[in-house]
């Protein structure tokens, strides 16, 4: 898999209540998106970022990281071939990302995500 980014997914009770710590104190002031249940905050100068998640909208389990890749379909087939536990099937979500969630052998759930090919 060709990974071009990994973002920590932090579980929070309320994104708006948590926002000032991450945006103001840590300097992740750019809100890239906010779907109400997940929001990404980034420092534009350093590209440092974090995603705050209250609960995944469509997956039965929350992920600890999001792995950004160009070919989610290929990554999905590789995960299946290797016999990894697919927590959430390959899906193009309403908000436009193409993803699946897979359980690592250590038990952590990983969100493998990309944007659909045109």
PDB file of N, CA and C in Angstrom:
ATOM      1  N   UNK A   1       0.852  -1.173   0.000  1.00  0.00           N
ATOM      2  CA  UNK A   1       0.000   0.000   0.000  1.00  0.00           C
ATOM      3  C   UNK A   1       0.897   1.236   0.000  1.00  0.00           C
ATOM      4  N   UNK A   2       0.544   2.206  -0.810  1.00  0.00           N
ATOM      5  CA  UNK A   2       1.276   3.469  -0.857  1.00  0.00           C
ATOM      6  C   UNK A   2       0.587   4.468   0.068  1.00  0.00           C
ATOM      7  N   UNK A   3       1.130   4.648   1.271  1.00  0.00           N
ATOM      8  CA  UNK A   3       0.549   5.532   2.276  1.00  0.00           C
ATOM      9  C   UNK A   3       1.099   6.937   2.085  1.00  0.00           C
ATOM     10  N   UNK A   4       0.205   7.928   2.024  1.00  0.00           N
ATOM     11  CA  UNK A   4       0.677   9.304   1.903  1.00  0.00           C
ATOM     12  C   UNK A   4       0.299  10.170   3.093  1.00  0.00           C
ATOM     13  N   UNK A   5      -0.232   9.554   4.129  1.00  0.00           N
ATOM     14  CA  UNK A   5      -0.515  10.288   5.352  1.00  0.00           C
ATOM     15  C   UNK A   5      -1.165   9.402   6.392  1.00  0.00           C
ATOM     16  N   UNK A   6      -0.890   9.697   7.660  1.00  0.00           N
ATOM     17  CA  UNK A   6      -1.532   9.024   8.776  1.00  0.00           C
ATOM     18  C   UNK A   6      -1.958  10.084   9.767  1.00  0.00           C
ATOM     19  N   UNK A   7      -3.213  10.017  10.197  1.00  0.00           N
ATOM     20  CA  UNK A   7      -3.778  11.016  11.101  1.00  0.00           C
ATOM     21  C   UNK A   7      -4.324  10.305  12.334  1.00  0.00           C
ATOM     22  N   UNK A   8      -3.972  10.806  13.512  1.00  0.00           N
ATOM     23  CA  UNK A   8      -4.500  10.252  14.755  1.00  0.00           C
ATOM     24  C   UNK A   8      -5.981  10.599  14.869  1.00  0.00           C
ATOM     25  N   UNK A   9      -6.777   9.628  15.292  1.00  0.00           N
ATOM     26  CA  UNK A   9      -8.205   9.832  15.551  1.00  0.00           C
ATOM     27  C   UNK A   9      -8.399   9.786  17.064  1.00  0.00           C
ATOM     28  N   UNK A  10      -8.667  10.923  17.665  1.00  0.00           N
ATOM     29  CA  UNK A  10      -8.825  10.993  19.113  1.00  0.00           C
ATOM     30  C   UNK A  10     -10.287  10.974  19.490  1.00  0.00           C
ATOM     31  N   UNK A  11     -10.643  10.077  20.372  1.00  0.00           N
ATOM     32  CA  UNK A  11     -12.027   9.969  20.853  1.00  0.00           C
ATOM     33  C   UNK A  11     -12.297  11.101  21.837  1.00  0.00           C
ATOM     34  N   UNK A  12     -13.340  11.872  21.564  1.00  0.00           N
ATOM     35  CA  UNK A  12     -13.751  12.970  22.438  1.00  0.00           C
ATOM     36  C   UNK A  12     -15.253  12.871  22.676  1.00  0.00           C
ATOM     37  N   UNK A  13     -15.695  13.424  23.790  1.00  0.00           N
ATOM     38  CA  UNK A  13     -17.119  13.420  24.091  1.00  0.00           C
ATOM     39  C   UNK A  13     -17.891  14.432  23.282  1.00  0.00           C
ATOM     40  N   UNK A  14     -17.232  15.576  22.992  1.00  0.00           N
ATOM     41  CA  UNK A  14     -17.891  16.662  22.278  1.00  0.00           C
ATOM     42  C   UNK A  14     -16.833  17.450  21.517  1.00  0.00           C
ATOM     43  N   UNK A  15     -16.965  17.535  20.217  1.00  0.00           N
ATOM     44  CA  UNK A  15     -15.967  18.207  19.391  1.00  0.00           C
ATOM     45  C   UNK A  15     -15.867  19.683  19.738  1.00  0.00           C
ATOM     46  N   UNK A  16     -16.993  20.358  19.876  1.00  0.00           N
ATOM     47  CA  UNK A  16     -16.968  21.798  20.154  1.00  0.00           C
ATOM     48  C   UNK A  16     -16.311  22.103  21.496  1.00  0.00           C
ATOM     49  N   UNK A  17     -16.543  21.265  22.496  1.00  0.00           N
ATOM     50  CA  UNK A  17     -15.918  21.477  23.806  1.00  0.00           C
ATOM     51  C   UNK A  17     -14.420  21.201  23.767  1.00  0.00           C
ATOM     52  N   UNK A  18     -13.978  20.316  22.910  1.00  0.00           N
ATOM     53  CA  UNK A  18     -12.562  19.960  22.797  1.00  0.00           C
ATOM     54  C   UNK A  18     -11.792  20.882  21.866  1.00  0.00           C
ATOM     55  N   UNK A  19     -12.505  21.552  20.992  1.00  0.00           N
ATOM     56  CA  UNK A  19     -11.899  22.335  19.914  1.00  0.00           C
ATOM     57  C   UNK A  19     -10.875  23.359  20.391  1.00  0.00           C
ATOM     58  N   UNK A  20     -11.164  24.105  21.445  1.00  0.00           N
ATOM     59  CA  UNK A  20     -10.251  25.180  21.850  1.00  0.00           C
ATOM     60  C   UNK A  20      -8.889  24.646  22.284  1.00  0.00           C
ATOM     61  N   UNK A  21      -8.847  23.483  22.926  1.00  0.00           N
ATOM     62  CA  UNK A  21      -7.559  22.915  23.325  1.00  0.00           C
ATOM     63  C   UNK A  21      -6.700  22.626  22.096  1.00  0.00           C
ATOM     64  N   UNK A  22      -7.266  21.924  21.123  1.00  0.00           N
ATOM     65  CA  UNK A  22      -6.503  21.520  19.944  1.00  0.00           C
ATOM     66  C   UNK A  22      -6.261  22.680  18.981  1.00  0.00           C
ATOM     67  N   UNK A  23      -7.256  23.521  18.789  1.00  0.00           N
ATOM     68  CA  UNK A  23      -7.115  24.634  17.846  1.00  0.00           C
ATOM     69  C   UNK A  23      -6.309  25.783  18.432  1.00  0.00           C
ATOM     70  N   UNK A  24      -6.654  26.208  19.625  1.00  0.00           N
ATOM     71  CA  UNK A  24      -5.995  27.378  20.206  1.00  0.00           C
ATOM     72  C   UNK A  24      -4.686  27.026  20.913  1.00  0.00           C
ATOM     73  N   UNK A  25      -4.747  26.109  21.876  1.00  0.00           N
ATOM     74  CA  UNK A  25      -3.562  25.776  22.652  1.00  0.00           C
ATOM     75  C   UNK A  25      -2.500  25.077  21.805  1.00  0.00           C
ATOM     76  N   UNK A  26      -2.886  24.053  21.029  1.00  0.00           N
ATOM     77  CA  UNK A  26      -1.911  23.328  20.214  1.00  0.00           C
ATOM     78  C   UNK A  26      -1.640  23.986  18.863  1.00  0.00           C
ATOM     79  N   UNK A  27      -2.425  24.990  18.495  1.00  0.00           N
ATOM     80  CA  UNK A  27      -2.175  25.722  17.251  1.00  0.00           C
ATOM     81  C   UNK A  27      -2.673  25.046  15.992  1.00  0.00           C
ATOM     82  N   UNK A  28      -3.585  24.092  16.137  1.00  0.00           N
ATOM     83  CA  UNK A  28      -4.165  23.427  14.965  1.00  0.00           C
ATOM     84  C   UNK A  28      -5.418  24.204  14.561  1.00  0.00           C
ATOM     85  N   UNK A  29      -5.226  25.407  14.075  1.00  0.00           N
ATOM     86  CA  UNK A  29      -6.312  26.370  13.897  1.00  0.00           C
ATOM     87  C   UNK A  29      -7.164  26.179  12.645  1.00  0.00           C
ATOM     88  N   UNK A  30      -6.645  25.494  11.658  1.00  0.00           N
ATOM     89  CA  UNK A  30      -7.401  25.313  10.424  1.00  0.00           C
ATOM     90  C   UNK A  30      -8.337  24.115  10.566  1.00  0.00           C
ATOM     91  N   UNK A  31      -9.644  24.379  10.545  1.00  0.00           N
ATOM     92  CA  UNK A  31     -10.635  23.303  10.597  1.00  0.00           C
ATOM     93  C   UNK A  31     -10.877  22.847   9.165  1.00  0.00           C
ATOM     94  N   UNK A  32     -10.286  21.725   8.794  1.00  0.00           N
ATOM     95  CA  UNK A  32     -10.393  21.231   7.422  1.00  0.00           C
ATOM     96  C   UNK A  32     -11.807  20.780   7.090  1.00  0.00           C
ATOM     97  N   UNK A  33     -12.455  20.131   8.032  1.00  0.00           N
ATOM     98  CA  UNK A  33     -13.852  19.738   7.880  1.00  0.00           C
ATOM     99  C   UNK A  33     -14.421  19.430   9.251  1.00  0.00           C
ATOM    100  N   UNK A  34     -15.732  19.474   9.345  1.00  0.00           N
ATOM    101  CA  UNK A  34     -16.417  19.134  10.585  1.00  0.00           C
ATOM    102  C   UNK A  34     -17.775  18.554  10.209  1.00  0.00           C
ATOM    103  N   UNK A  35     -17.938  17.248  10.429  1.00  0.00           N
ATOM    104  CA  UNK A  35     -19.193  16.573  10.106  1.00  0.00           C
ATOM    105  C   UNK A  35     -20.093  16.419  11.329  1.00  0.00           C
ATOM    106  N   UNK A  36     -19.694  17.038  12.422  1.00  0.00           N
ATOM    107  CA  UNK A  36     -20.462  16.931  13.652  1.00  0.00           C
ATOM    108  C   UNK A  36     -19.989  15.800  14.538  1.00  0.00           C
ATOM    109  N   UNK A  37     -19.624  14.675  13.943  1.00  0.00           N
ATOM    110  CA  UNK A  37     -19.119  13.522  14.690  1.00  0.00           C
ATOM    111  C   UNK A  37     -17.620  13.317  14.495  1.00  0.00           C
ATOM    112  N   UNK A  38     -17.057  13.956  13.476  1.00  0.00           N
ATOM    113  CA  UNK A  38     -15.618  13.928  13.214  1.00  0.00           C
ATOM    114  C   UNK A  38     -15.214  15.279  12.642  1.00  0.00           C
ATOM    115  N   UNK A  39     -14.069  15.784  13.101  1.00  0.00           N
ATOM    116  CA  UNK A  39     -13.544  17.049  12.586  1.00  0.00           C
ATOM    117  C   UNK A  39     -12.024  16.958  12.554  1.00  0.00           C
ATOM    118  N   UNK A  40     -11.403  17.560  11.531  1.00  0.00           N
ATOM    119  CA  UNK A  40      -9.944  17.576  11.430  1.00  0.00           C
ATOM    120  C   UNK A  40      -9.442  19.001  11.621  1.00  0.00           C
ATOM    121  N   UNK A  41      -8.439  19.113  12.498  1.00  0.00           N
ATOM    122  CA  UNK A  41      -7.791  20.391  12.779  1.00  0.00           C
ATOM    123  C   UNK A  41      -6.323  20.281  12.404  1.00  0.00           C
ATOM    124  N   UNK A  42      -5.825  21.307  11.693  1.00  0.00           N
ATOM    125  CA  UNK A  42      -4.476  21.271  11.130  1.00  0.00           C
ATOM    126  C   UNK A  42      -3.759  22.584  11.370  1.00  0.00           C
ATOM    127  N   UNK A  43      -2.453  22.507  11.512  1.00  0.00           N
ATOM    128  CA  UNK A  43      -1.602  23.683  11.511  1.00  0.00           C
ATOM    129  C   UNK A  43      -1.089  23.819  10.087  1.00  0.00           C
ATOM    130  N   UNK A  44      -1.488  24.867   9.390  1.00  0.00           N
ATOM    131  CA  UNK A  44      -1.135  25.023   7.976  1.00  0.00           C
ATOM    132  C   UNK A  44       0.362  25.182   7.751  1.00  0.00           C
ATOM    133  N   UNK A  45       1.080  25.734   8.727  1.00  0.00           N
ATOM    134  CA  UNK A  45       2.519  25.926   8.567  1.00  0.00           C
ATOM    135  C   UNK A  45       3.300  24.622   8.662  1.00  0.00           C
ATOM    136  N   UNK A  46       2.860  23.717   9.527  1.00  0.00           N
ATOM    137  CA  UNK A  46       3.620  22.485   9.745  1.00  0.00           C
ATOM    138  C   UNK A  46       2.928  21.248   9.182  1.00  0.00           C
ATOM    139  N   UNK A  47       1.671  21.362   8.827  1.00  0.00           N
ATOM    140  CA  UNK A  47       0.843  20.244   8.349  1.00  0.00           C
ATOM    141  C   UNK A  47       0.539  19.230   9.453  1.00  0.00           C
ATOM    142  N   UNK A  48       0.847  19.554  10.709  1.00  0.00           N
ATOM    143  CA  UNK A  48       0.444  18.694  11.826  1.00  0.00           C
ATOM    144  C   UNK A  48      -1.070  18.714  11.906  1.00  0.00           C
ATOM    145  N   UNK A  49      -1.666  17.552  12.199  1.00  0.00           N
ATOM    146  CA  UNK A  49      -3.121  17.512  12.259  1.00  0.00           C
ATOM    147  C   UNK A  49      -3.593  16.411  13.192  1.00  0.00           C
ATOM    148  N   UNK A  50      -4.864  16.524  13.563  1.00  0.00           N
ATOM    149  CA  UNK A  50      -5.515  15.525  14.395  1.00  0.00           C
ATOM    150  C   UNK A  50      -6.995  15.511  14.025  1.00  0.00           C
ATOM    151  N   UNK A  51      -7.607  14.344  14.139  1.00  0.00           N
ATOM    152  CA  UNK A  51      -9.048  14.246  13.949  1.00  0.00           C
ATOM    153  C   UNK A  51      -9.680  13.944  15.289  1.00  0.00           C
ATOM    154  N   UNK A  52     -10.728  14.687  15.616  1.00  0.00           N
ATOM    155  CA  UNK A  52     -11.494  14.460  16.827  1.00  0.00           C
ATOM    156  C   UNK A  52     -12.752  13.705  16.424  1.00  0.00           C
ATOM    157  N   UNK A  53     -13.043  12.612  17.128  1.00  0.00           N
ATOM    158  CA  UNK A  53     -14.153  11.737  16.761  1.00  0.00           C
ATOM    159  C   UNK A  53     -15.007  11.466  17.989  1.00  0.00           C
ATOM    160  N   UNK A  54     -16.321  11.708  17.866  1.00  0.00           N
ATOM    161  CA  UNK A  54     -17.218  11.364  18.968  1.00  0.00           C
ATOM    162  C   UNK A  54     -17.641   9.903  18.862  1.00  0.00           C
ATOM    163  N   UNK A  55     -17.987   9.472  17.675  1.00  0.00           N
ATOM    164  CA  UNK A  55     -18.331   8.089  17.364  1.00  0.00           C
ATOM    165  C   UNK A  55     -18.485   7.986  15.861  1.00  0.00           C
ATOM    166  N   UNK A  56     -17.870   6.967  15.269  1.00  0.00           N
ATOM    167  CA  UNK A  56     -17.933   6.824  13.817  1.00  0.00           C
ATOM    168  C   UNK A  56     -19.384   6.675  13.368  1.00  0.00           C
ATOM    169  N   UNK A  57     -19.765   7.475  12.410  1.00  0.00           N
ATOM    170  CA  UNK A  57     -21.156   7.537  11.930  1.00  0.00           C
ATOM    171  C   UNK A  57     -21.642   6.237  11.291  1.00  0.00           C
ATOM    172  N   UNK A  58     -20.762   5.507  10.588  1.00  0.00           N
ATOM    173  CA  UNK A  58     -21.237   4.337   9.844  1.00  0.00           C
ATOM    174  C   UNK A  58     -20.550   3.031  10.218  1.00  0.00           C
ATOM    175  N   UNK A  59     -19.469   3.088  10.951  1.00  0.00           N
ATOM    176  CA  UNK A  59     -18.757   1.863  11.328  1.00  0.00           C
ATOM    177  C   UNK A  59     -19.195   1.389  12.710  1.00  0.00           C
ATOM    178  N   UNK A  60     -19.236   0.087  12.923  1.00  0.00           N
ATOM    179  CA  UNK A  60     -19.615  -0.412  14.240  1.00  0.00           C
ATOM    180  C   UNK A  60     -18.562  -0.155  15.317  1.00  0.00           C
ATOM    181  N   UNK A  61     -17.326   0.168  14.890  1.00  0.00           N
ATOM    182  CA  UNK A  61     -16.247   0.462  15.831  1.00  0.00           C
ATOM    183  C   UNK A  61     -15.501   1.704  15.372  1.00  0.00           C
ATOM    184  N   UNK A  62     -14.908   2.408  16.340  1.00  0.00           N
ATOM    185  CA  UNK A  62     -14.106   3.589  16.034  1.00  0.00           C
ATOM    186  C   UNK A  62     -12.676   3.174  15.710  1.00  0.00           C
ATOM    187  N   UNK A  63     -12.014   3.977  14.893  1.00  0.00           N
ATOM    188  CA  UNK A  63     -10.621   3.714  14.545  1.00  0.00           C
ATOM    189  C   UNK A  63      -9.689   4.615  15.362  1.00  0.00           C
ATOM    190  N   UNK A  64      -8.456   4.164  15.507  1.00  0.00           N
ATOM    191  CA  UNK A  64      -7.465   4.951  16.246  1.00  0.00           C
ATOM    192  C   UNK A  64      -6.631   5.834  15.326  1.00  0.00           C
ATOM    193  N   UNK A  65      -6.506   5.440  14.063  1.00  0.00           N
ATOM    194  CA  UNK A  65      -5.812   6.255  13.065  1.00  0.00           C
ATOM    195  C   UNK A  65      -6.546   6.141  11.736  1.00  0.00           C
ATOM    196  N   UNK A  66      -6.325   7.159  10.895  1.00  0.00           N
ATOM    197  CA  UNK A  66      -6.777   7.110   9.506  1.00  0.00           C
ATOM    198  C   UNK A  66      -5.539   7.084   8.630  1.00  0.00           C
ATOM    199  N   UNK A  67      -5.473   6.114   7.740  1.00  0.00           N
ATOM    200  CA  UNK A  67      -4.352   5.952   6.824  1.00  0.00           C
ATOM    201  C   UNK A  67      -4.831   6.386   5.447  1.00  0.00           C
ATOM    202  N   UNK A  68      -4.189   7.404   4.894  1.00  0.00           N
ATOM    203  CA  UNK A  68      -4.566   7.948   3.593  1.00  0.00           C
ATOM    204  C   UNK A  68      -3.765   7.249   2.500  1.00  0.00           C
ATOM    205  N   UNK A  69      -4.471   6.741   1.497  1.00  0.00           N
ATOM    206  CA  UNK A  69      -3.825   6.045   0.392  1.00  0.00           C
ATOM    207  C   UNK A  69      -4.544   6.358  -0.912  1.00  0.00           C
ATOM    208  N   UNK A  70      -3.845   6.198  -2.005  1.00  0.00           N
ATOM    209  CA  UNK A  70      -4.429   6.470  -3.319  1.00  0.00           C
ATOM    210  C   UNK A  70      -5.323   5.330  -3.795  1.00  0.00           C
ATOM    211  N   UNK A  71      -4.987   4.098  -3.429  1.00  0.00           N
ATOM    212  CA  UNK A  71      -5.729   2.957  -3.954  1.00  0.00           C
ATOM    213  C   UNK A  71      -6.346   2.139  -2.823  1.00  0.00           C
ATOM    214  N   UNK A  72      -7.497   2.587  -2.357  1.00  0.00           N
ATOM    215  CA  UNK A  72      -8.204   1.921  -1.262  1.00  0.00           C
ATOM    216  C   UNK A  72      -8.660   0.533  -1.699  1.00  0.00           C
ATOM    217  N   UNK A  73      -9.092   0.386  -2.945  1.00  0.00           N
ATOM    218  CA  UNK A  73      -9.536  -0.919  -3.444  1.00  0.00           C
ATOM    219  C   UNK A  73      -8.418  -1.952  -3.348  1.00  0.00           C
ATOM    220  N   UNK A  74      -7.225  -1.571  -3.761  1.00  0.00           N
ATOM    221  CA  UNK A  74      -6.074  -2.475  -3.697  1.00  0.00           C
ATOM    222  C   UNK A  74      -5.738  -2.823  -2.247  1.00  0.00           C
ATOM    223  N   UNK A  75      -5.784  -1.823  -1.366  1.00  0.00           N
ATOM    224  CA  UNK A  75      -5.511  -2.061   0.051  1.00  0.00           C
ATOM    225  C   UNK A  75      -6.543  -3.013   0.650  1.00  0.00           C
ATOM    226  N   UNK A  76      -7.794  -2.867   0.254  1.00  0.00           N
ATOM    227  CA  UNK A  76      -8.867  -3.733   0.736  1.00  0.00           C
ATOM    228  C   UNK A  76      -8.613  -5.186   0.319  1.00  0.00           C
ATOM    229  N   UNK A  77      -8.278  -5.375  -0.943  1.00  0.00           N
ATOM    230  CA  UNK A  77      -8.013  -6.725  -1.439  1.00  0.00           C
ATOM    231  C   UNK A  77      -6.817  -7.340  -0.724  1.00  0.00           C
ATOM    232  N   UNK A  78      -5.797  -6.548  -0.460  1.00  0.00           N
ATOM    233  CA  UNK A  78      -4.614  -7.035   0.258  1.00  0.00           C
ATOM    234  C   UNK A  78      -4.976  -7.438   1.683  1.00  0.00           C
ATOM    235  N   UNK A  79      -5.776  -6.625   2.368  1.00  0.00           N
ATOM    236  CA  UNK A  79      -6.204  -6.928   3.739  1.00  0.00           C
ATOM    237  C   UNK A  79      -7.003  -8.231   3.765  1.00  0.00           C
ATOM    238  N   UNK A  80      -7.871  -8.403   2.799  1.00  0.00           N
ATOM    239  CA  UNK A  80      -8.665  -9.636   2.720  1.00  0.00           C
ATOM    240  C   UNK A  80      -7.775 -10.840   2.435  1.00  0.00           C
ATOM    241  N   UNK A  81      -6.845 -10.672   1.492  1.00  0.00           N
ATOM    242  CA  UNK A  81      -5.932 -11.758   1.137  1.00  0.00           C
ATOM    243  C   UNK A  81      -5.111 -12.201   2.342  1.00  0.00           C
ATOM    244  N   UNK A  82      -4.724 -11.245   3.180  1.00  0.00           N
ATOM    245  CA  UNK A  82      -3.924 -11.545   4.357  1.00  0.00           C
ATOM    246  C   UNK A  82      -4.767 -12.050   5.535  1.00  0.00           C
ATOM    247  N   UNK A  83      -6.086 -12.043   5.358  1.00  0.00           N
ATOM    248  CA  UNK A  83      -6.972 -12.595   6.371  1.00  0.00           C
ATOM    249  C   UNK A  83      -7.258 -11.675   7.547  1.00  0.00           C
ATOM    250  N   UNK A  84      -7.037 -10.373   7.373  1.00  0.00           N
ATOM    251  CA  UNK A  84      -7.324  -9.436   8.459  1.00  0.00           C
ATOM    252  C   UNK A  84      -8.831  -9.268   8.640  1.00  0.00           C
ATOM    253  N   UNK A  85      -9.226  -8.962   9.863  1.00  0.00           N
ATOM    254  CA  UNK A  85     -10.625  -8.758  10.214  1.00  0.00           C
ATOM    255  C   UNK A  85     -11.105  -7.413   9.661  1.00  0.00           C
ATOM    256  N   UNK A  86     -12.026  -7.456   8.710  1.00  0.00           N
ATOM    257  CA  UNK A  86     -12.611  -6.235   8.148  1.00  0.00           C
ATOM    258  C   UNK A  86     -13.757  -5.821   9.066  1.00  0.00           C
ATOM    259  N   UNK A  87     -13.606  -4.678   9.716  1.00  0.00           N
ATOM    260  CA  UNK A  87     -14.585  -4.177  10.689  1.00  0.00           C
ATOM    261  C   UNK A  87     -15.734  -3.455   9.994  1.00  0.00           C
ATOM    262  N   UNK A  88     -15.406  -2.738   8.912  1.00  0.00           N
ATOM    263  CA  UNK A  88     -16.391  -1.980   8.119  1.00  0.00           C
ATOM    264  C   UNK A  88     -16.026  -2.208   6.655  1.00  0.00           C
ATOM    265  N   UNK A  89     -16.956  -2.700   5.839  1.00  0.00           N
ATOM    266  CA  UNK A  89     -16.618  -3.055   4.459  1.00  0.00           C
ATOM    267  C   UNK A  89     -16.253  -1.856   3.594  1.00  0.00           C
ATOM    268  N   UNK A  90     -15.639  -2.150   2.487  1.00  0.00           N
ATOM    269  CA  UNK A  90     -15.271  -1.130   1.504  1.00  0.00           C
ATOM    270  C   UNK A  90     -16.528  -0.374   1.095  1.00  0.00           C
ATOM    271  N   UNK A  91     -16.512   0.936   1.316  1.00  0.00           N
ATOM    272  CA  UNK A  91     -17.704   1.768   1.122  1.00  0.00           C
ATOM    273  C   UNK A  91     -17.297   3.145   0.622  1.00  0.00           C
ATOM    274  N   UNK A  92     -18.105   3.716  -0.273  1.00  0.00           N
ATOM    275  CA  UNK A  92     -17.993   5.136  -0.570  1.00  0.00           C
ATOM    276  C   UNK A  92     -19.052   5.814   0.273  1.00  0.00           C
ATOM    277  N   UNK A  93     -18.595   6.592   1.246  1.00  0.00           N
ATOM    278  CA  UNK A  93     -19.491   7.205   2.221  1.00  0.00           C
ATOM    279  C   UNK A  93     -20.205   8.425   1.643  1.00  0.00           C
ATOM    280  N   UNK A  94     -21.314   8.802   2.274  1.00  0.00           N
ATOM    281  CA  UNK A  94     -22.097   9.965   1.836  1.00  0.00           C
ATOM    282  C   UNK A  94     -21.251  11.225   1.730  1.00  0.00           C
ATOM    283  N   UNK A  95     -20.257  11.366   2.598  1.00  0.00           N
ATOM    284  CA  UNK A  95     -19.438  12.583   2.628  1.00  0.00           C
ATOM    285  C   UNK A  95     -18.275  12.521   1.637  1.00  0.00           C
ATOM    286  N   UNK A  96     -18.233  11.471   0.799  1.00  0.00           N
ATOM    287  CA  UNK A  96     -17.344  11.462  -0.353  1.00  0.00           C
ATOM    288  C   UNK A  96     -16.075  10.645  -0.254  1.00  0.00           C
ATOM    289  N   UNK A  97     -15.744  10.082   0.903  1.00  0.00           N
ATOM    290  CA  UNK A  97     -14.530   9.292   0.980  1.00  0.00           C
ATOM    291  C   UNK A  97     -14.820   7.826   0.668  1.00  0.00           C
ATOM    292  N   UNK A  98     -13.805   7.153   0.192  1.00  0.00           N
ATOM    293  CA  UNK A  98     -13.852   5.722  -0.109  1.00  0.00           C
ATOM    294  C   UNK A  98     -12.998   5.073   0.971  1.00  0.00           C
ATOM    295  N   UNK A  99     -13.566   4.121   1.750  1.00  0.00           N
ATOM    296  CA  UNK A  99     -12.817   3.605   2.890  1.00  0.00           C
ATOM    297  C   UNK A  99     -13.289   2.233   3.325  1.00  0.00           C
ATOM    298  N   UNK A 100     -12.466   1.644   4.176  1.00  0.00           N
ATOM    299  CA  UNK A 100     -12.839   0.460   4.942  1.00  0.00           C
ATOM    300  C   UNK A 100     -12.078   0.524   6.255  1.00  0.00           C
ATOM    301  N   UNK A 101     -12.558  -0.211   7.253  1.00  0.00           N
ATOM    302  CA  UNK A 101     -11.875  -0.276   8.534  1.00  0.00           C
ATOM    303  C   UNK A 101     -11.441  -1.707   8.769  1.00  0.00           C
ATOM    304  N   UNK A 102     -10.211  -1.854   9.233  1.00  0.00           N
ATOM    305  CA  UNK A 102      -9.612  -3.165   9.422  1.00  0.00           C
ATOM    306  C   UNK A 102      -8.990  -3.233  10.816  1.00  0.00           C
ATOM    307  N   UNK A 103      -9.071  -4.414  11.425  1.00  0.00           N
ATOM    308  CA  UNK A 103      -8.476  -4.594  12.740  1.00  0.00           C
ATOM    309  C   UNK A 103      -7.048  -5.113  12.574  1.00  0.00           C
ATOM    310  N   UNK A 104      -6.103  -4.406  13.165  1.00  0.00           N
ATOM    311  CA  UNK A 104      -4.714  -4.860  13.184  1.00  0.00           C
ATOM    312  C   UNK A 104      -4.608  -6.058  14.127  1.00  0.00           C
ATOM    313  N   UNK A 105      -3.594  -6.886  13.965  1.00  0.00           N
ATOM    314  CA  UNK A 105      -3.440  -8.040  14.851  1.00  0.00           C
ATOM    315  C   UNK A 105      -3.375  -7.665  16.336  1.00  0.00           C
ATOM    316  N   UNK A 106      -2.978  -6.444  16.659  1.00  0.00           N
ATOM    317  CA  UNK A 106      -2.910  -5.998  18.063  1.00  0.00           C
ATOM    318  C   UNK A 106      -4.258  -5.544  18.606  1.00  0.00           C
ATOM    319  N   UNK A 107      -5.289  -5.531  17.737  1.00  0.00           N
ATOM    320  CA  UNK A 107      -6.625  -5.143  18.165  1.00  0.00           C
ATOM    321  C   UNK A 107      -7.037  -3.738  17.782  1.00  0.00           C
ATOM    322  N   UNK A 108      -6.082  -2.891  17.409  1.00  0.00           N
ATOM    323  CA  UNK A 108      -6.432  -1.530  17.000  1.00  0.00           C
ATOM    324  C   UNK A 108      -7.194  -1.545  15.681  1.00  0.00           C
ATOM    325  N   UNK A 109      -8.185  -0.673  15.574  1.00  0.00           N
ATOM    326  CA  UNK A 109      -8.962  -0.545  14.342  1.00  0.00           C
ATOM    327  C   UNK A 109      -8.393   0.624  13.549  1.00  0.00           C
ATOM    328  N   UNK A 110      -8.124   0.373  12.270  1.00  0.00           N
ATOM    329  CA  UNK A 110      -7.489   1.351  11.379  1.00  0.00           C
ATOM    330  C   UNK A 110      -8.453   1.674  10.241  1.00  0.00           C
ATOM    331  N   UNK A 111      -8.638   2.973   9.993  1.00  0.00           N
ATOM    332  CA  UNK A 111      -9.463   3.475   8.904  1.00  0.00           C
ATOM    333  C   UNK A 111      -8.567   3.674   7.687  1.00  0.00           C
ATOM    334  N   UNK A 112      -8.775   2.908   6.627  1.00  0.00           N
ATOM    335  CA  UNK A 112      -8.012   3.056   5.386  1.00  0.00           C
ATOM    336  C   UNK A 112      -8.888   3.878   4.447  1.00  0.00           C
ATOM    337  N   UNK A 113      -8.403   5.051   4.040  1.00  0.00           N
ATOM    338  CA  UNK A 113      -9.285   6.010   3.375  1.00  0.00           C
ATOM    339  C   UNK A 113      -8.610   6.713   2.204  1.00  0.00           C
ATOM    340  N   UNK A 114      -9.416   7.046   1.219  1.00  0.00           N
ATOM    341  CA  UNK A 114      -8.978   7.825   0.067  1.00  0.00           C
ATOM    342  C   UNK A 114     -10.182   8.490  -0.571  1.00  0.00           C
ATOM    343  N   UNK A 115      -9.919   9.226  -1.607  1.00  0.00           N
ATOM    344  CA  UNK A 115     -10.998   9.856  -2.348  1.00  0.00           C
ATOM    345  C   UNK A 115     -11.277   9.028  -3.595  1.00  0.00           C
ATOM    346  N   UNK A 116     -12.534   8.876  -3.955  1.00  0.00           N
ATOM    347  CA  UNK A 116     -12.872   8.043  -5.119  1.00  0.00           C
ATOM    348  C   UNK A 116     -12.172   8.511  -6.375  1.00  0.00           C
ATOM    349  N   UNK A 117     -11.847   7.543  -7.217  1.00  0.00           N
ATOM    350  CA  UNK A 117     -11.250   7.863  -8.512  1.00  0.00           C
ATOM    351  C   UNK A 117     -12.323   8.408  -9.430  1.00  0.00           C
ATOM    352  N   UNK A 118     -11.968   9.423 -10.212  1.00  0.00           N
ATOM    353  CA  UNK A 118     -12.978   9.993 -11.126  1.00  0.00           C
ATOM    354  C   UNK A 118     -13.426   9.039 -12.207  1.00  0.00           C
TER     355      UNK A 118
END
